[in-house]
């Protein structure tokens, strides 16, 4: 829930990171979460939206194994209708991520 400040939503004062469709999967694990694989719906330098059928809770700490990035520490920021919003502890390079995803797709189509 967003906090109100002089009639304005605090959430609306924070610029939203640019997001892009990802069309790939990643592996996730954590101290309180068994390892699982999930589709990434969209991604930005600060986080991603994933399909989530694992028993996650808001605030859970995860390690995401992302193409081109490797292991990335993150936490569950929100959950709704089988979808989780995950925030990265440190911003990632979308350039590296895009290149690895494109390379993986090219290998699949050529293989």
PDB file of N, CA and C in Angstrom:
ATOM      1  N   UNK A   1       0.846  -1.182   0.000  1.00  0.00           N
ATOM      2  CA  UNK A   1       0.000   0.000   0.000  1.00  0.00           C
ATOM      3  C   UNK A   1       0.890   1.243   0.000  1.00  0.00           C
ATOM      4  N   UNK A   2       0.579   2.197  -0.847  1.00  0.00           N
ATOM      5  CA  UNK A   2       1.369   3.425  -0.944  1.00  0.00           C
ATOM      6  C   UNK A   2       0.987   4.390   0.170  1.00  0.00           C
ATOM      7  N   UNK A   3       1.954   5.120   0.683  1.00  0.00           N
ATOM      8  CA  UNK A   3       1.728   6.101   1.718  1.00  0.00           C
ATOM      9  C   UNK A   3       1.351   7.426   1.070  1.00  0.00           C
ATOM     10  N   UNK A   4       0.478   8.184   1.724  1.00  0.00           N
ATOM     11  CA  UNK A   4       0.046   9.468   1.186  1.00  0.00           C
ATOM     12  C   UNK A   4       0.879  10.594   1.789  1.00  0.00           C
ATOM     13  N   UNK A   5       1.248  11.543   0.966  1.00  0.00           N
ATOM     14  CA  UNK A   5       2.016  12.697   1.398  1.00  0.00           C
ATOM     15  C   UNK A   5       1.396  13.924   0.751  1.00  0.00           C
ATOM     16  N   UNK A   6       0.695  14.742   1.533  1.00  0.00           N
ATOM     17  CA  UNK A   6       0.002  15.927   1.015  1.00  0.00           C
ATOM     18  C   UNK A   6      -0.900  15.598  -0.170  1.00  0.00           C
ATOM     19  N   UNK A   7      -1.581  14.458  -0.088  1.00  0.00           N
ATOM     20  CA  UNK A   7      -2.515  14.093  -1.141  1.00  0.00           C
ATOM     21  C   UNK A   7      -1.898  13.345  -2.315  1.00  0.00           C
ATOM     22  N   UNK A   8      -0.582  13.192  -2.332  1.00  0.00           N
ATOM     23  CA  UNK A   8       0.086  12.475  -3.409  1.00  0.00           C
ATOM     24  C   UNK A   8       0.564  11.122  -2.893  1.00  0.00           C
ATOM     25  N   UNK A   9       0.486  10.134  -3.721  1.00  0.00           N
ATOM     26  CA  UNK A   9       1.000   8.818  -3.381  1.00  0.00           C
ATOM     27  C   UNK A   9       2.521   8.859  -3.431  1.00  0.00           C
ATOM     28  N   UNK A  10       3.172   8.378  -2.374  1.00  0.00           N
ATOM     29  CA  UNK A  10       4.631   8.348  -2.355  1.00  0.00           C
ATOM     30  C   UNK A  10       5.130   7.460  -3.494  1.00  0.00           C
ATOM     31  N   UNK A  11       4.413   6.384  -3.778  1.00  0.00           N
ATOM     32  CA  UNK A  11       4.803   5.496  -4.876  1.00  0.00           C
ATOM     33  C   UNK A  11       4.854   6.265  -6.193  1.00  0.00           C
ATOM     34  N   UNK A  12       3.926   7.199  -6.415  1.00  0.00           N
ATOM     35  CA  UNK A  12       3.912   7.933  -7.683  1.00  0.00           C
ATOM     36  C   UNK A  12       5.078   8.921  -7.786  1.00  0.00           C
ATOM     37  N   UNK A  13       5.745   9.232  -6.670  1.00  0.00           N
ATOM     38  CA  UNK A  13       6.880  10.153  -6.692  1.00  0.00           C
ATOM     39  C   UNK A  13       8.184   9.453  -7.052  1.00  0.00           C
ATOM     40  N   UNK A  14       8.201   8.124  -6.987  1.00  0.00           N
ATOM     41  CA  UNK A  14       9.399   7.359  -7.306  1.00  0.00           C
ATOM     42  C   UNK A  14       9.313   6.914  -8.754  1.00  0.00           C
ATOM     43  N   UNK A  15      10.253   7.336  -9.598  1.00  0.00           N
ATOM     44  CA  UNK A  15      10.186   6.945 -11.010  1.00  0.00           C
ATOM     45  C   UNK A  15      10.306   5.427 -11.166  1.00  0.00           C
ATOM     46  N   UNK A  16       9.509   4.878 -12.036  1.00  0.00           N
ATOM     47  CA  UNK A  16       9.518   3.444 -12.288  1.00  0.00           C
ATOM     48  C   UNK A  16      10.614   3.111 -13.296  1.00  0.00           C
ATOM     49  N   UNK A  17      11.355   2.053 -13.005  1.00  0.00           N
ATOM     50  CA  UNK A  17      12.438   1.639 -13.902  1.00  0.00           C
ATOM     51  C   UNK A  17      11.859   1.146 -15.217  1.00  0.00           C
ATOM     52  N   UNK A  18      12.559   1.403 -16.298  1.00  0.00           N
ATOM     53  CA  UNK A  18      12.155   0.925 -17.615  1.00  0.00           C
ATOM     54  C   UNK A  18      12.214  -0.597 -17.628  1.00  0.00           C
ATOM     55  N   UNK A  19      11.142  -1.235 -18.090  1.00  0.00           N
ATOM     56  CA  UNK A  19      11.075  -2.683 -18.124  1.00  0.00           C
ATOM     57  C   UNK A  19      11.007  -3.171 -19.560  1.00  0.00           C
ATOM     58  N   UNK A  20      11.460  -4.408 -19.758  1.00  0.00           N
ATOM     59  CA  UNK A  20      11.353  -5.008 -21.082  1.00  0.00           C
ATOM     60  C   UNK A  20      11.004  -6.482 -20.932  1.00  0.00           C
ATOM     61  N   UNK A  21      10.325  -7.014 -21.930  1.00  0.00           N
ATOM     62  CA  UNK A  21       9.966  -8.432 -21.926  1.00  0.00           C
ATOM     63  C   UNK A  21      11.242  -9.261 -21.954  1.00  0.00           C
ATOM     64  N   UNK A  22      11.226 -10.398 -21.247  1.00  0.00           N
ATOM     65  CA  UNK A  22      12.444 -11.203 -21.154  1.00  0.00           C
ATOM     66  C   UNK A  22      12.363 -12.500 -21.958  1.00  0.00           C
ATOM     67  N   UNK A  23      11.236 -13.194 -21.935  1.00  0.00           N
ATOM     68  CA  UNK A  23      11.049 -14.442 -22.688  1.00  0.00           C
ATOM     69  C   UNK A  23      12.139 -15.477 -22.429  1.00  0.00           C
ATOM     70  N   UNK A  24      12.444 -15.715 -21.171  1.00  0.00           N
ATOM     71  CA  UNK A  24      13.404 -16.758 -20.807  1.00  0.00           C
ATOM     72  C   UNK A  24      13.081 -17.250 -19.401  1.00  0.00           C
ATOM     73  N   UNK A  25      13.860 -18.207 -18.928  1.00  0.00           N
ATOM     74  CA  UNK A  25      13.671 -18.773 -17.602  1.00  0.00           C
ATOM     75  C   UNK A  25      14.919 -18.564 -16.763  1.00  0.00           C
ATOM     76  N   UNK A  26      14.746 -18.663 -15.450  1.00  0.00           N
ATOM     77  CA  UNK A  26      15.873 -18.579 -14.525  1.00  0.00           C
ATOM     78  C   UNK A  26      15.626 -19.560 -13.383  1.00  0.00           C
ATOM     79  N   UNK A  27      16.703 -19.905 -12.689  1.00  0.00           N
ATOM     80  CA  UNK A  27      16.614 -20.760 -11.508  1.00  0.00           C
ATOM     81  C   UNK A  27      16.727 -19.890 -10.269  1.00  0.00           C
ATOM     82  N   UNK A  28      15.983 -20.268  -9.239  1.00  0.00           N
ATOM     83  CA  UNK A  28      15.938 -19.516  -7.989  1.00  0.00           C
ATOM     84  C   UNK A  28      16.120 -20.469  -6.821  1.00  0.00           C
ATOM     85  N   UNK A  29      16.744 -19.978  -5.756  1.00  0.00           N
ATOM     86  CA  UNK A  29      16.862 -20.734  -4.513  1.00  0.00           C
ATOM     87  C   UNK A  29      17.016 -19.717  -3.386  1.00  0.00           C
ATOM     88  N   UNK A  30      16.923 -20.194  -2.171  1.00  0.00           N
ATOM     89  CA  UNK A  30      17.075 -19.303  -1.031  1.00  0.00           C
ATOM     90  C   UNK A  30      17.122 -20.088   0.260  1.00  0.00           C
ATOM     91  N   UNK A  31      17.447 -19.419   1.353  1.00  0.00           N
ATOM     92  CA  UNK A  31      17.570 -20.112   2.631  1.00  0.00           C
ATOM     93  C   UNK A  31      16.256 -20.720   3.125  1.00  0.00           C
ATOM     94  N   UNK A  32      15.131 -20.144   2.720  1.00  0.00           N
ATOM     95  CA  UNK A  32      13.830 -20.662   3.167  1.00  0.00           C
ATOM     96  C   UNK A  32      12.977 -21.148   2.008  1.00  0.00           C
ATOM     97  N   UNK A  33      13.580 -21.230   0.807  1.00  0.00           N
ATOM     98  CA  UNK A  33      12.826 -21.579  -0.395  1.00  0.00           C
ATOM     99  C   UNK A  33      13.544 -22.710  -1.132  1.00  0.00           C
ATOM    100  N   UNK A  34      12.825 -23.790  -1.472  1.00  0.00           N
ATOM    101  CA  UNK A  34      13.476 -24.838  -2.269  1.00  0.00           C
ATOM    102  C   UNK A  34      13.772 -24.314  -3.676  1.00  0.00           C
ATOM    103  N   UNK A  35      14.777 -24.893  -4.339  1.00  0.00           N
ATOM    104  CA  UNK A  35      15.123 -24.452  -5.687  1.00  0.00           C
ATOM    105  C   UNK A  35      13.938 -24.636  -6.628  1.00  0.00           C
ATOM    106  N   UNK A  36      13.739 -23.644  -7.501  1.00  0.00           N
ATOM    107  CA  UNK A  36      12.685 -23.741  -8.510  1.00  0.00           C
ATOM    108  C   UNK A  36      13.103 -22.999  -9.768  1.00  0.00           C
ATOM    109  N   UNK A  37      12.449 -23.316 -10.867  1.00  0.00           N
ATOM    110  CA  UNK A  37      12.680 -22.674 -12.164  1.00  0.00           C
ATOM    111  C   UNK A  37      11.437 -21.871 -12.492  1.00  0.00           C
ATOM    112  N   UNK A  38      11.619 -20.680 -13.034  1.00  0.00           N
ATOM    113  CA  UNK A  38      10.472 -19.830 -13.337  1.00  0.00           C
ATOM    114  C   UNK A  38      10.705 -19.013 -14.598  1.00  0.00           C
ATOM    115  N   UNK A  39       9.607 -18.693 -15.273  1.00  0.00           N
ATOM    116  CA  UNK A  39       9.665 -17.819 -16.449  1.00  0.00           C
ATOM    117  C   UNK A  39       9.770 -16.374 -15.984  1.00  0.00           C
ATOM    118  N   UNK A  40      10.666 -15.632 -16.617  1.00  0.00           N
ATOM    119  CA  UNK A  40      10.779 -14.195 -16.359  1.00  0.00           C
ATOM    120  C   UNK A  40       9.829 -13.490 -17.319  1.00  0.00           C
ATOM    121  N   UNK A  41       8.855 -12.771 -16.790  1.00  0.00           N
ATOM    122  CA  UNK A  41       7.897 -12.041 -17.639  1.00  0.00           C
ATOM    123  C   UNK A  41       8.504 -10.746 -18.159  1.00  0.00           C
ATOM    124  N   UNK A  42       9.106  -9.969 -17.249  1.00  0.00           N
ATOM    125  CA  UNK A  42       9.805  -8.755 -17.664  1.00  0.00           C
ATOM    126  C   UNK A  42      10.927  -8.474 -16.686  1.00  0.00           C
ATOM    127  N   UNK A  43      11.845  -7.639 -17.121  1.00  0.00           N
ATOM    128  CA  UNK A  43      13.036  -7.377 -16.311  1.00  0.00           C
ATOM    129  C   UNK A  43      13.478  -5.932 -16.492  1.00  0.00           C
ATOM    130  N   UNK A  44      14.082  -5.394 -15.448  1.00  0.00           N
ATOM    131  CA  UNK A  44      14.712  -4.070 -15.507  1.00  0.00           C
ATOM    132  C   UNK A  44      16.038  -4.205 -14.777  1.00  0.00           C
ATOM    133  N   UNK A  45      16.811  -3.150 -14.732  1.00  0.00           N
ATOM    134  CA  UNK A  45      18.088  -3.207 -14.025  1.00  0.00           C
ATOM    135  C   UNK A  45      17.881  -3.416 -12.524  1.00  0.00           C
ATOM    136  N   UNK A  46      16.708  -3.052 -12.000  1.00  0.00           N
ATOM    137  CA  UNK A  46      16.477  -3.127 -10.556  1.00  0.00           C
ATOM    138  C   UNK A  46      15.618  -4.301 -10.103  1.00  0.00           C
ATOM    139  N   UNK A  47      15.012  -5.043 -11.037  1.00  0.00           N
ATOM    140  CA  UNK A  47      14.178  -6.161 -10.614  1.00  0.00           C
ATOM    141  C   UNK A  47      13.508  -6.853 -11.782  1.00  0.00           C
ATOM    142  N   UNK A  48      12.633  -7.803 -11.460  1.00  0.00           N
ATOM    143  CA  UNK A  48      11.935  -8.550 -12.510  1.00  0.00           C
ATOM    144  C   UNK A  48      10.598  -9.059 -11.991  1.00  0.00           C
ATOM    145  N   UNK A  49       9.767  -9.430 -12.931  1.00  0.00           N
ATOM    146  CA  UNK A  49       8.467 -10.023 -12.642  1.00  0.00           C
ATOM    147  C   UNK A  49       8.536 -11.461 -13.131  1.00  0.00           C
ATOM    148  N   UNK A  50       8.237 -12.413 -12.238  1.00  0.00           N
ATOM    149  CA  UNK A  50       8.339 -13.826 -12.592  1.00  0.00           C
ATOM    150  C   UNK A  50       7.030 -14.550 -12.316  1.00  0.00           C
ATOM    151  N   UNK A  51       6.792 -15.629 -13.062  1.00  0.00           N
ATOM    152  CA  UNK A  51       5.701 -16.536 -12.723  1.00  0.00           C
ATOM    153  C   UNK A  51       6.135 -17.239 -11.448  1.00  0.00           C
ATOM    154  N   UNK A  52       5.214 -17.414 -10.532  1.00  0.00           N
ATOM    155  CA  UNK A  52       5.624 -17.989  -9.258  1.00  0.00           C
ATOM    156  C   UNK A  52       4.615 -19.007  -8.753  1.00  0.00           C
ATOM    157  N   UNK A  53       5.048 -20.258  -8.749  1.00  0.00           N
ATOM    158  CA  UNK A  53       4.222 -21.321  -8.194  1.00  0.00           C
ATOM    159  C   UNK A  53       4.908 -21.932  -6.983  1.00  0.00           C
ATOM    160  N   UNK A  54       6.043 -21.354  -6.590  1.00  0.00           N
ATOM    161  CA  UNK A  54       6.778 -21.797  -5.405  1.00  0.00           C
ATOM    162  C   UNK A  54       6.155 -21.152  -4.166  1.00  0.00           C
ATOM    163  N   UNK A  55       6.376 -21.748  -3.002  1.00  0.00           N
ATOM    164  CA  UNK A  55       5.820 -21.181  -1.760  1.00  0.00           C
ATOM    165  C   UNK A  55       6.635 -19.980  -1.271  1.00  0.00           C
ATOM    166  N   UNK A  56       6.454 -18.846  -1.923  1.00  0.00           N
ATOM    167  CA  UNK A  56       7.188 -17.627  -1.569  1.00  0.00           C
ATOM    168  C   UNK A  56       6.354 -16.727  -0.678  1.00  0.00           C
ATOM    169  N   UNK A  57       7.061 -15.879   0.069  1.00  0.00           N
ATOM    170  CA  UNK A  57       6.431 -14.857   0.897  1.00  0.00           C
ATOM    171  C   UNK A  57       7.132 -13.533   0.650  1.00  0.00           C
ATOM    172  N   UNK A  58       6.411 -12.455   0.835  1.00  0.00           N
ATOM    173  CA  UNK A  58       7.008 -11.129   0.686  1.00  0.00           C
ATOM    174  C   UNK A  58       8.176 -11.012   1.661  1.00  0.00           C
ATOM    175  N   UNK A  59       9.322 -10.551   1.154  1.00  0.00           N
ATOM    176  CA  UNK A  59      10.516 -10.398   1.972  1.00  0.00           C
ATOM    177  C   UNK A  59      11.485 -11.561   1.881  1.00  0.00           C
ATOM    178  N   UNK A  60      11.055 -12.696   1.288  1.00  0.00           N
ATOM    179  CA  UNK A  60      11.964 -13.828   1.132  1.00  0.00           C
ATOM    180  C   UNK A  60      13.200 -13.405   0.349  1.00  0.00           C
ATOM    181  N   UNK A  61      14.353 -13.872   0.789  1.00  0.00           N
ATOM    182  CA  UNK A  61      15.613 -13.613   0.102  1.00  0.00           C
ATOM    183  C   UNK A  61      15.859 -14.760  -0.868  1.00  0.00           C
ATOM    184  N   UNK A  62      16.230 -14.412  -2.093  1.00  0.00           N
ATOM    185  CA  UNK A  62      16.475 -15.401  -3.140  1.00  0.00           C
ATOM    186  C   UNK A  62      17.827 -15.163  -3.794  1.00  0.00           C
ATOM    187  N   UNK A  63      18.338 -16.218  -4.389  1.00  0.00           N
ATOM    188  CA  UNK A  63      19.472 -16.098  -5.299  1.00  0.00           C
ATOM    189  C   UNK A  63      18.937 -16.514  -6.657  1.00  0.00           C
ATOM    190  N   UNK A  64      18.999 -15.607  -7.614  1.00  0.00           N
ATOM    191  CA  UNK A  64      18.530 -15.877  -8.972  1.00  0.00           C
ATOM    192  C   UNK A  64      19.746 -16.158  -9.841  1.00  0.00           C
ATOM    193  N   UNK A  65      19.668 -17.218 -10.635  1.00  0.00           N
ATOM    194  CA  UNK A  65      20.723 -17.533 -11.600  1.00  0.00           C
ATOM    195  C   UNK A  65      20.244 -17.037 -12.956  1.00  0.00           C
ATOM    196  N   UNK A  66      20.742 -15.859 -13.359  1.00  0.00           N
ATOM    197  CA  UNK A  66      20.274 -15.178 -14.567  1.00  0.00           C
ATOM    198  C   UNK A  66      21.246 -15.359 -15.726  1.00  0.00           C
ATOM    199  N   UNK A  67      20.721 -15.544 -16.946  1.00  0.00           N
ATOM    200  CA  UNK A  67      21.584 -15.644 -18.135  1.00  0.00           C
ATOM    201  C   UNK A  67      22.475 -14.404 -18.267  1.00  0.00           C
ATOM    202  N   UNK A  68      23.768 -14.637 -18.464  1.00  0.00           N
ATOM    203  CA  UNK A  68      24.710 -13.534 -18.666  1.00  0.00           C
ATOM    204  C   UNK A  68      25.105 -12.785 -17.416  1.00  0.00           C
ATOM    205  N   UNK A  69      24.410 -13.025 -16.316  1.00  0.00           N
ATOM    206  CA  UNK A  69      24.660 -12.296 -15.073  1.00  0.00           C
ATOM    207  C   UNK A  69      25.243 -13.231 -14.020  1.00  0.00           C
ATOM    208  N   UNK A  70      24.713 -14.436 -13.947  1.00  0.00           N
ATOM    209  CA  UNK A  70      25.116 -15.375 -12.903  1.00  0.00           C
ATOM    210  C   UNK A  70      24.223 -15.232 -11.692  1.00  0.00           C
ATOM    211  N   UNK A  71      24.772 -15.552 -10.523  1.00  0.00           N
ATOM    212  CA  UNK A  71      23.992 -15.488  -9.287  1.00  0.00           C
ATOM    213  C   UNK A  71      23.799 -14.041  -8.858  1.00  0.00           C
ATOM    214  N   UNK A  72      22.543 -13.706  -8.555  1.00  0.00           N
ATOM    215  CA  UNK A  72      22.181 -12.355  -8.153  1.00  0.00           C
ATOM    216  C   UNK A  72      21.303 -12.423  -6.917  1.00  0.00           C
ATOM    217  N   UNK A  73      21.686 -11.715  -5.875  1.00  0.00           N
ATOM    218  CA  UNK A  73      20.903 -11.663  -4.651  1.00  0.00           C
ATOM    219  C   UNK A  73      19.696 -10.756  -4.862  1.00  0.00           C
ATOM    220  N   UNK A  74      18.535 -11.236  -4.442  1.00  0.00           N
ATOM    221  CA  UNK A  74      17.316 -10.443  -4.614  1.00  0.00           C
ATOM    222  C   UNK A  74      16.309 -10.791  -3.518  1.00  0.00           C
ATOM    223  N   UNK A  75      15.208 -10.055  -3.472  1.00  0.00           N
ATOM    224  CA  UNK A  75      14.166 -10.327  -2.482  1.00  0.00           C
ATOM    225  C   UNK A  75      12.794 -10.155  -3.119  1.00  0.00           C
ATOM    226  N   UNK A  76      11.824 -10.865  -2.560  1.00  0.00           N
ATOM    227  CA  UNK A  76      10.455 -10.811  -3.063  1.00  0.00           C
ATOM    228  C   UNK A  76       9.815  -9.522  -2.556  1.00  0.00           C
ATOM    229  N   UNK A  77       9.425  -8.651  -3.475  1.00  0.00           N
ATOM    230  CA  UNK A  77       8.831  -7.366  -3.121  1.00  0.00           C
ATOM    231  C   UNK A  77       7.304  -7.431  -3.106  1.00  0.00           C
ATOM    232  N   UNK A  78       6.736  -8.278  -3.987  1.00  0.00           N
ATOM    233  CA  UNK A  78       5.273  -8.399  -4.012  1.00  0.00           C
ATOM    234  C   UNK A  78       4.861  -9.720  -4.624  1.00  0.00           C
ATOM    235  N   UNK A  79       3.668 -10.165  -4.261  1.00  0.00           N
ATOM    236  CA  UNK A  79       3.081 -11.405  -4.778  1.00  0.00           C
ATOM    237  C   UNK A  79       1.618 -11.148  -5.104  1.00  0.00           C
ATOM    238  N   UNK A  80       1.202 -11.657  -6.256  1.00  0.00           N
ATOM    239  CA  UNK A  80      -0.216 -11.525  -6.609  1.00  0.00           C
ATOM    240  C   UNK A  80      -0.549 -12.498  -7.734  1.00  0.00           C
ATOM    241  N   UNK A  81      -1.565 -13.315  -7.513  1.00  0.00           N
ATOM    242  CA  UNK A  81      -2.108 -14.208  -8.541  1.00  0.00           C
ATOM    243  C   UNK A  81      -1.041 -15.021  -9.279  1.00  0.00           C
ATOM    244  N   UNK A  82      -0.129 -15.645  -8.545  1.00  0.00           N
ATOM    245  CA  UNK A  82       0.873 -16.492  -9.168  1.00  0.00           C
ATOM    246  C   UNK A  82       2.020 -15.760  -9.842  1.00  0.00           C
ATOM    247  N   UNK A  83       2.165 -14.478  -9.538  1.00  0.00           N
ATOM    248  CA  UNK A  83       3.241 -13.662 -10.111  1.00  0.00           C
ATOM    249  C   UNK A  83       3.970 -12.982  -8.950  1.00  0.00           C
ATOM    250  N   UNK A  84       5.307 -12.947  -9.030  1.00  0.00           N
ATOM    251  CA  UNK A  84       6.102 -12.304  -7.979  1.00  0.00           C
ATOM    252  C   UNK A  84       6.945 -11.175  -8.565  1.00  0.00           C
ATOM    253  N   UNK A  85       6.973 -10.065  -7.868  1.00  0.00           N
ATOM    254  CA  UNK A  85       7.872  -8.966  -8.174  1.00  0.00           C
ATOM    255  C   UNK A  85       9.117  -9.136  -7.327  1.00  0.00           C
ATOM    256  N   UNK A  86      10.273  -9.196  -7.966  1.00  0.00           N
ATOM    257  CA  UNK A  86      11.535  -9.465  -7.280  1.00  0.00           C
ATOM    258  C   UNK A  86      12.463  -8.273  -7.474  1.00  0.00           C
ATOM    259  N   UNK A  87      13.056  -7.800  -6.384  1.00  0.00           N
ATOM    260  CA  UNK A  87      13.952  -6.641  -6.431  1.00  0.00           C
ATOM    261  C   UNK A  87      15.395  -7.114  -6.262  1.00  0.00           C
ATOM    262  N   UNK A  88      16.277  -6.675  -7.173  1.00  0.00           N
ATOM    263  CA  UNK A  88      17.692  -7.025  -7.075  1.00  0.00           C
ATOM    264  C   UNK A  88      18.358  -6.208  -5.980  1.00  0.00           C
ATOM    265  N   UNK A  89      19.276  -6.845  -5.258  1.00  0.00           N
ATOM    266  CA  UNK A  89      20.036  -6.141  -4.223  1.00  0.00           C
ATOM    267  C   UNK A  89      20.949  -5.093  -4.860  1.00  0.00           C
ATOM    268  N   UNK A  90      21.514  -5.440  -6.011  1.00  0.00           N
ATOM    269  CA  UNK A  90      22.394  -4.547  -6.775  1.00  0.00           C
ATOM    270  C   UNK A  90      21.897  -4.551  -8.219  1.00  0.00           C
ATOM    271  N   UNK A  91      21.794  -3.392  -8.860  1.00  0.00           N
ATOM    272  CA  UNK A  91      21.331  -3.372 -10.256  1.00  0.00           C
ATOM    273  C   UNK A  91      22.171  -4.273 -11.162  1.00  0.00           C
ATOM    274  N   UNK A  92      21.521  -4.856 -12.160  1.00  0.00           N
ATOM    275  CA  UNK A  92      22.207  -5.731 -13.117  1.00  0.00           C
ATOM    276  C   UNK A  92      22.421  -4.999 -14.443  1.00  0.00           C
ATOM    277  N   UNK A  93      23.260  -5.568 -15.281  1.00  0.00           N
ATOM    278  CA  UNK A  93      23.492  -5.030 -16.622  1.00  0.00           C
ATOM    279  C   UNK A  93      22.506  -5.683 -17.595  1.00  0.00           C
ATOM    280  N   UNK A  94      21.570  -4.915 -18.097  1.00  0.00           N
ATOM    281  CA  UNK A  94      20.624  -5.447 -19.073  1.00  0.00           C
ATOM    282  C   UNK A  94      21.319  -5.775 -20.390  1.00  0.00           C
ATOM    283  N   UNK A  95      22.399  -5.096 -20.691  1.00  0.00           N
ATOM    284  CA  UNK A  95      23.159  -5.383 -21.919  1.00  0.00           C
ATOM    285  C   UNK A  95      23.708  -6.805 -21.873  1.00  0.00           C
ATOM    286  N   UNK A  96      24.310  -7.192 -20.752  1.00  0.00           N
ATOM    287  CA  UNK A  96      24.835  -8.551 -20.592  1.00  0.00           C
ATOM    288  C   UNK A  96      23.702  -9.574 -20.621  1.00  0.00           C
ATOM    289  N   UNK A  97      22.606  -9.259 -19.947  1.00  0.00           N
ATOM    290  CA  UNK A  97      21.454 -10.165 -19.906  1.00  0.00           C
ATOM    291  C   UNK A  97      20.901 -10.382 -21.314  1.00  0.00           C
ATOM    292  N   UNK A  98      20.655  -9.295 -22.049  1.00  0.00           N
ATOM    293  CA  UNK A  98      20.115  -9.394 -23.416  1.00  0.00           C
ATOM    294  C   UNK A  98      21.020 -10.225 -24.319  1.00  0.00           C
ATOM    295  N   UNK A  99      22.321  -9.979 -24.244  1.00  0.00           N
ATOM    296  CA  UNK A  99      23.274 -10.701 -25.091  1.00  0.00           C
ATOM    297  C   UNK A  99      23.226 -12.201 -24.803  1.00  0.00           C
ATOM    298  N   UNK A 100      23.168 -12.592 -23.541  1.00  0.00           N
ATOM    299  CA  UNK A 100      23.135 -14.011 -23.179  1.00  0.00           C
ATOM    300  C   UNK A 100      21.828 -14.668 -23.624  1.00  0.00           C
ATOM    301  N   UNK A 101      20.725 -13.971 -23.479  1.00  0.00           N
ATOM    302  CA  UNK A 101      19.426 -14.517 -23.907  1.00  0.00           C
ATOM    303  C   UNK A 101      19.420 -14.680 -25.426  1.00  0.00           C
ATOM    304  N   UNK A 102      19.909 -13.669 -26.153  1.00  0.00           N
ATOM    305  CA  UNK A 102      19.955 -13.749 -27.619  1.00  0.00           C
ATOM    306  C   UNK A 102      20.877 -14.882 -28.075  1.00  0.00           C
ATOM    307  N   UNK A 103      22.006 -15.037 -27.414  1.00  0.00           N
ATOM    308  CA  UNK A 103      22.949 -16.099 -27.754  1.00  0.00           C
ATOM    309  C   UNK A 103      22.322 -17.471 -27.506  1.00  0.00           C
ATOM    310  N   UNK A 104      21.593 -17.609 -26.417  1.00  0.00           N
ATOM    311  CA  UNK A 104      20.906 -18.865 -26.112  1.00  0.00           C
ATOM    312  C   UNK A 104      19.854 -19.198 -27.153  1.00  0.00           C
ATOM    313  N   UNK A 105      19.112 -18.208 -27.594  1.00  0.00           N
ATOM    314  CA  UNK A 105      18.090 -18.432 -28.627  1.00  0.00           C
ATOM    315  C   UNK A 105      18.732 -18.826 -29.947  1.00  0.00           C
ATOM    316  N   UNK A 106      19.843 -18.175 -30.270  1.00  0.00           N
ATOM    317  CA  UNK A 106      20.538 -18.469 -31.526  1.00  0.00           C
ATOM    318  C   UNK A 106      21.068 -19.904 -31.491  1.00  0.00           C
ATOM    319  N   UNK A 107      21.607 -20.325 -30.347  1.00  0.00           N
ATOM    320  CA  UNK A 107      22.127 -21.692 -30.219  1.00  0.00           C
ATOM    321  C   UNK A 107      21.002 -22.718 -30.381  1.00  0.00           C
ATOM    322  N   UNK A 108      19.831 -22.401 -29.859  1.00  0.00           N
ATOM    323  CA  UNK A 108      18.687 -23.315 -29.966  1.00  0.00           C
ATOM    324  C   UNK A 108      18.231 -23.448 -31.425  1.00  0.00           C
ATOM    325  N   UNK A 109      18.151 -22.324 -32.128  1.00  0.00           N
ATOM    326  CA  UNK A 109      17.679 -22.361 -33.513  1.00  0.00           C
ATOM    327  C   UNK A 109      18.704 -22.982 -34.452  1.00  0.00           C
ATOM    328  N   UNK A 110      19.996 -22.871 -34.120  1.00  0.00           N
ATOM    329  CA  UNK A 110      21.029 -23.451 -34.973  1.00  0.00           C
ATOM    330  C   UNK A 110      21.310 -24.913 -34.618  1.00  0.00           C
ATOM    331  N   UNK A 111      21.010 -25.307 -33.381  1.00  0.00           N
ATOM    332  CA  UNK A 111      21.331 -26.655 -32.910  1.00  0.00           C
ATOM    333  C   UNK A 111      20.335 -27.634 -33.362  1.00  0.00           C
TER     334      UNK A 111
END
